[in-house]
């Protein structure tokens, strides 16, 4: 299942796959990992870990730690600078 969380604390179920939404939303959103697609405004903080991954903290709290793999950190940093 695919869920959309808004800044107004609303939750919507979306049709389609994360890959389909990633293509639709293009450069305004970034694919964090296999479970998360986010806008820059939804990110509160990004912290480097000892293993060269990036830990992402969202404005809207999630129940788990979310990481960007070390192979995707350079792509994320390029997107983040935009």
N, C-alpha and C. Protein backbone atom coordinates (compact mmCIF):
# COMPACT_ATOMS: atom_id res chain seq x y z
N UNK A 1 0.83 -1.19 0.00
CA UNK A 1 0.00 0.00 0.00
C UNK A 1 0.87 1.24 0.00
N UNK A 2 0.38 2.28 -0.61
CA UNK A 2 1.10 3.54 -0.72
C UNK A 2 0.30 4.63 -0.04
N UNK A 3 0.94 5.36 0.90
CA UNK A 3 0.26 6.38 1.68
C UNK A 3 0.92 7.73 1.46
N UNK A 4 0.09 8.76 1.40
CA UNK A 4 0.54 10.14 1.28
C UNK A 4 0.23 10.86 2.58
N UNK A 5 1.26 11.47 3.18
CA UNK A 5 1.09 12.24 4.41
C UNK A 5 1.27 13.71 4.09
N UNK A 6 0.32 14.55 4.54
CA UNK A 6 0.38 15.98 4.26
C UNK A 6 0.87 16.74 5.49
N UNK A 7 1.23 17.99 5.29
CA UNK A 7 1.66 18.84 6.40
C UNK A 7 0.50 19.18 7.33
N UNK A 8 -0.73 18.96 6.88
CA UNK A 8 -1.92 19.20 7.70
C UNK A 8 -2.33 17.95 8.47
N UNK A 9 -1.41 16.97 8.54
CA UNK A 9 -1.65 15.69 9.24
C UNK A 9 -2.80 14.88 8.64
N UNK A 10 -3.01 15.02 7.36
CA UNK A 10 -3.98 14.20 6.66
C UNK A 10 -3.25 13.04 6.00
N UNK A 11 -3.93 11.92 5.85
CA UNK A 11 -3.34 10.73 5.26
C UNK A 11 -4.26 10.24 4.14
N UNK A 12 -3.67 9.97 2.96
CA UNK A 12 -4.43 9.49 1.81
C UNK A 12 -3.77 8.23 1.26
N UNK A 13 -4.59 7.31 0.82
CA UNK A 13 -4.08 6.12 0.13
C UNK A 13 -4.01 6.43 -1.35
N UNK A 14 -2.87 6.11 -1.96
CA UNK A 14 -2.67 6.38 -3.39
C UNK A 14 -2.70 5.08 -4.18
N UNK A 15 -3.17 5.19 -5.40
CA UNK A 15 -3.11 4.06 -6.32
C UNK A 15 -1.78 4.09 -7.05
N UNK A 16 -1.28 2.92 -7.38
CA UNK A 16 -0.02 2.84 -8.12
C UNK A 16 1.13 2.40 -7.22
N UNK A 17 2.31 2.41 -7.81
CA UNK A 17 3.50 1.99 -7.08
C UNK A 17 4.38 3.20 -6.77
N UNK A 18 5.33 2.99 -5.90
CA UNK A 18 6.27 4.06 -5.58
C UNK A 18 7.07 4.45 -6.81
N UNK A 19 7.42 3.49 -7.64
CA UNK A 19 8.16 3.78 -8.88
C UNK A 19 7.34 4.66 -9.82
N UNK A 20 6.05 4.39 -9.94
CA UNK A 20 5.18 5.21 -10.79
C UNK A 20 5.09 6.63 -10.28
N UNK A 21 4.93 6.80 -8.97
CA UNK A 21 4.84 8.14 -8.40
C UNK A 21 6.17 8.88 -8.48
N UNK A 22 7.25 8.14 -8.36
CA UNK A 22 8.58 8.75 -8.50
C UNK A 22 8.74 9.36 -9.89
N UNK A 23 8.29 8.66 -10.91
CA UNK A 23 8.36 9.18 -12.28
C UNK A 23 7.43 10.38 -12.49
N UNK A 24 6.24 10.32 -11.89
CA UNK A 24 5.27 11.42 -12.03
C UNK A 24 5.77 12.70 -11.37
N UNK A 25 6.42 12.56 -10.23
CA UNK A 25 6.82 13.72 -9.44
C UNK A 25 8.20 14.25 -9.79
N UNK A 26 8.96 13.48 -10.54
CA UNK A 26 10.29 13.84 -11.05
C UNK A 26 11.18 14.53 -10.03
N UNK A 27 11.71 15.69 -10.37
CA UNK A 27 12.77 16.32 -9.58
C UNK A 27 12.27 17.02 -8.32
N UNK A 28 10.96 17.19 -8.15
CA UNK A 28 10.48 17.86 -6.95
C UNK A 28 10.46 16.94 -5.72
N UNK A 29 10.59 15.64 -5.94
CA UNK A 29 10.63 14.67 -4.86
C UNK A 29 11.86 13.78 -5.04
N UNK A 30 12.31 13.18 -3.93
CA UNK A 30 13.48 12.29 -3.99
C UNK A 30 13.11 10.95 -3.37
N UNK A 31 13.56 9.89 -4.00
CA UNK A 31 13.34 8.54 -3.49
C UNK A 31 14.40 8.25 -2.43
N UNK A 32 14.01 8.31 -1.17
CA UNK A 32 14.93 8.10 -0.05
C UNK A 32 15.43 6.66 -0.02
N UNK A 33 14.51 5.72 -0.12
CA UNK A 33 14.83 4.29 -0.11
C UNK A 33 13.65 3.54 -0.73
N UNK A 34 13.56 2.25 -0.45
CA UNK A 34 12.49 1.46 -1.06
C UNK A 34 11.10 1.79 -0.51
N UNK A 35 11.06 2.57 0.59
CA UNK A 35 9.77 2.83 1.21
C UNK A 35 9.35 4.30 1.21
N UNK A 36 10.28 5.22 0.98
CA UNK A 36 9.97 6.64 1.14
C UNK A 36 10.33 7.47 -0.08
N UNK A 37 9.39 8.36 -0.41
CA UNK A 37 9.56 9.38 -1.44
C UNK A 37 9.20 10.68 -0.74
N UNK A 38 10.06 11.71 -0.83
CA UNK A 38 9.83 12.91 -0.04
C UNK A 38 10.13 14.19 -0.80
N UNK A 39 9.53 15.27 -0.32
CA UNK A 39 9.87 16.60 -0.82
C UNK A 39 10.91 17.19 0.13
N UNK A 40 11.62 18.20 -0.33
CA UNK A 40 12.64 18.85 0.51
C UNK A 40 12.00 19.51 1.72
N UNK A 41 10.80 20.04 1.57
CA UNK A 41 10.11 20.72 2.67
C UNK A 41 9.73 19.77 3.79
N UNK A 42 9.64 18.48 3.51
CA UNK A 42 9.26 17.49 4.52
C UNK A 42 10.45 17.03 5.37
N UNK A 43 11.65 17.43 4.99
CA UNK A 43 12.85 17.00 5.71
C UNK A 43 13.22 18.05 6.75
N UNK A 44 13.31 17.61 7.99
CA UNK A 44 13.68 18.51 9.08
C UNK A 44 15.20 18.56 9.25
N UNK A 45 15.86 17.38 9.18
CA UNK A 45 17.31 17.32 9.36
C UNK A 45 17.87 16.09 8.67
N UNK A 46 19.14 16.20 8.29
CA UNK A 46 19.87 15.08 7.69
C UNK A 46 21.19 14.96 8.46
N UNK A 47 21.47 13.76 8.94
CA UNK A 47 22.66 13.52 9.75
C UNK A 47 23.48 12.40 9.14
N UNK A 48 24.79 12.61 9.01
CA UNK A 48 25.68 11.56 8.52
C UNK A 48 25.93 10.54 9.63
N UNK A 49 25.99 9.28 9.24
CA UNK A 49 26.26 8.22 10.21
C UNK A 49 27.70 7.74 10.04
N UNK A 50 28.14 6.90 10.96
CA UNK A 50 29.50 6.34 10.90
C UNK A 50 29.70 5.46 9.68
N UNK A 51 28.63 4.89 9.17
CA UNK A 51 28.72 3.99 8.01
C UNK A 51 28.52 4.72 6.68
N UNK A 52 28.57 6.05 6.70
CA UNK A 52 28.44 6.92 5.54
C UNK A 52 27.04 6.96 4.96
N UNK A 53 26.06 6.42 5.68
CA UNK A 53 24.67 6.60 5.30
C UNK A 53 24.22 7.95 5.82
N UNK A 54 23.06 8.40 5.35
CA UNK A 54 22.46 9.63 5.87
C UNK A 54 21.16 9.28 6.57
N UNK A 55 21.00 9.75 7.79
CA UNK A 55 19.77 9.56 8.54
C UNK A 55 18.88 10.77 8.29
N UNK A 56 17.64 10.53 7.93
CA UNK A 56 16.71 11.59 7.59
C UNK A 56 15.66 11.70 8.69
N UNK A 57 15.49 12.92 9.20
CA UNK A 57 14.41 13.22 10.15
C UNK A 57 13.39 14.08 9.43
N UNK A 58 12.14 13.66 9.49
CA UNK A 58 11.07 14.35 8.79
C UNK A 58 10.34 15.33 9.70
N UNK A 59 9.70 16.32 9.12
CA UNK A 59 8.87 17.27 9.85
C UNK A 59 7.72 16.51 10.51
N UNK A 60 7.14 15.58 9.79
CA UNK A 60 6.09 14.72 10.32
C UNK A 60 6.78 13.46 10.87
N UNK A 61 6.70 13.20 12.17
CA UNK A 61 7.42 12.06 12.75
C UNK A 61 6.97 10.72 12.16
N UNK A 62 7.94 9.82 11.99
CA UNK A 62 7.66 8.45 11.56
C UNK A 62 8.11 7.52 12.68
N UNK A 63 7.61 6.30 12.68
CA UNK A 63 7.88 5.36 13.77
C UNK A 63 9.16 4.57 13.62
N UNK A 64 9.98 4.92 12.64
CA UNK A 64 11.21 4.18 12.41
C UNK A 64 12.30 5.12 11.93
N UNK A 65 13.54 4.69 12.08
CA UNK A 65 14.66 5.48 11.55
C UNK A 65 14.70 5.29 10.04
N UNK A 66 14.91 6.38 9.31
CA UNK A 66 14.93 6.33 7.85
C UNK A 66 16.31 6.74 7.38
N UNK A 67 16.92 5.91 6.53
CA UNK A 67 18.28 6.14 6.06
C UNK A 67 18.34 6.18 4.54
N UNK A 68 19.30 6.97 4.05
CA UNK A 68 19.66 6.97 2.64
C UNK A 68 20.94 6.17 2.54
N UNK A 69 20.97 5.19 1.67
CA UNK A 69 22.15 4.34 1.55
C UNK A 69 23.36 5.14 1.07
N UNK A 70 24.55 4.64 1.39
CA UNK A 70 25.75 5.37 1.00
C UNK A 70 25.89 5.46 -0.51
N UNK A 71 25.30 4.54 -1.26
CA UNK A 71 25.36 4.62 -2.73
C UNK A 71 24.48 5.74 -3.27
N UNK A 72 23.47 6.17 -2.52
CA UNK A 72 22.55 7.22 -2.98
C UNK A 72 22.83 8.59 -2.35
N UNK A 73 23.82 8.69 -1.47
CA UNK A 73 24.06 9.96 -0.79
C UNK A 73 24.48 11.07 -1.74
N UNK A 74 25.29 10.78 -2.74
CA UNK A 74 25.71 11.84 -3.66
C UNK A 74 24.53 12.34 -4.50
N UNK A 75 23.66 11.45 -4.95
CA UNK A 75 22.46 11.87 -5.69
C UNK A 75 21.54 12.71 -4.80
N UNK A 76 21.42 12.30 -3.54
CA UNK A 76 20.59 13.07 -2.62
C UNK A 76 21.16 14.47 -2.42
N UNK A 77 22.46 14.57 -2.22
CA UNK A 77 23.07 15.88 -2.00
C UNK A 77 22.90 16.80 -3.20
N UNK A 78 22.99 16.26 -4.42
CA UNK A 78 22.76 17.06 -5.63
C UNK A 78 21.32 17.56 -5.67
N UNK A 79 20.38 16.67 -5.37
CA UNK A 79 18.97 17.04 -5.36
C UNK A 79 18.70 18.06 -4.26
N UNK A 80 19.28 17.87 -3.11
CA UNK A 80 19.07 18.75 -1.94
C UNK A 80 19.53 20.17 -2.23
N UNK A 81 20.59 20.34 -3.01
CA UNK A 81 21.13 21.67 -3.32
C UNK A 81 20.25 22.45 -4.28
N UNK A 82 19.36 21.77 -5.01
CA UNK A 82 18.49 22.44 -5.99
C UNK A 82 17.53 23.35 -5.35
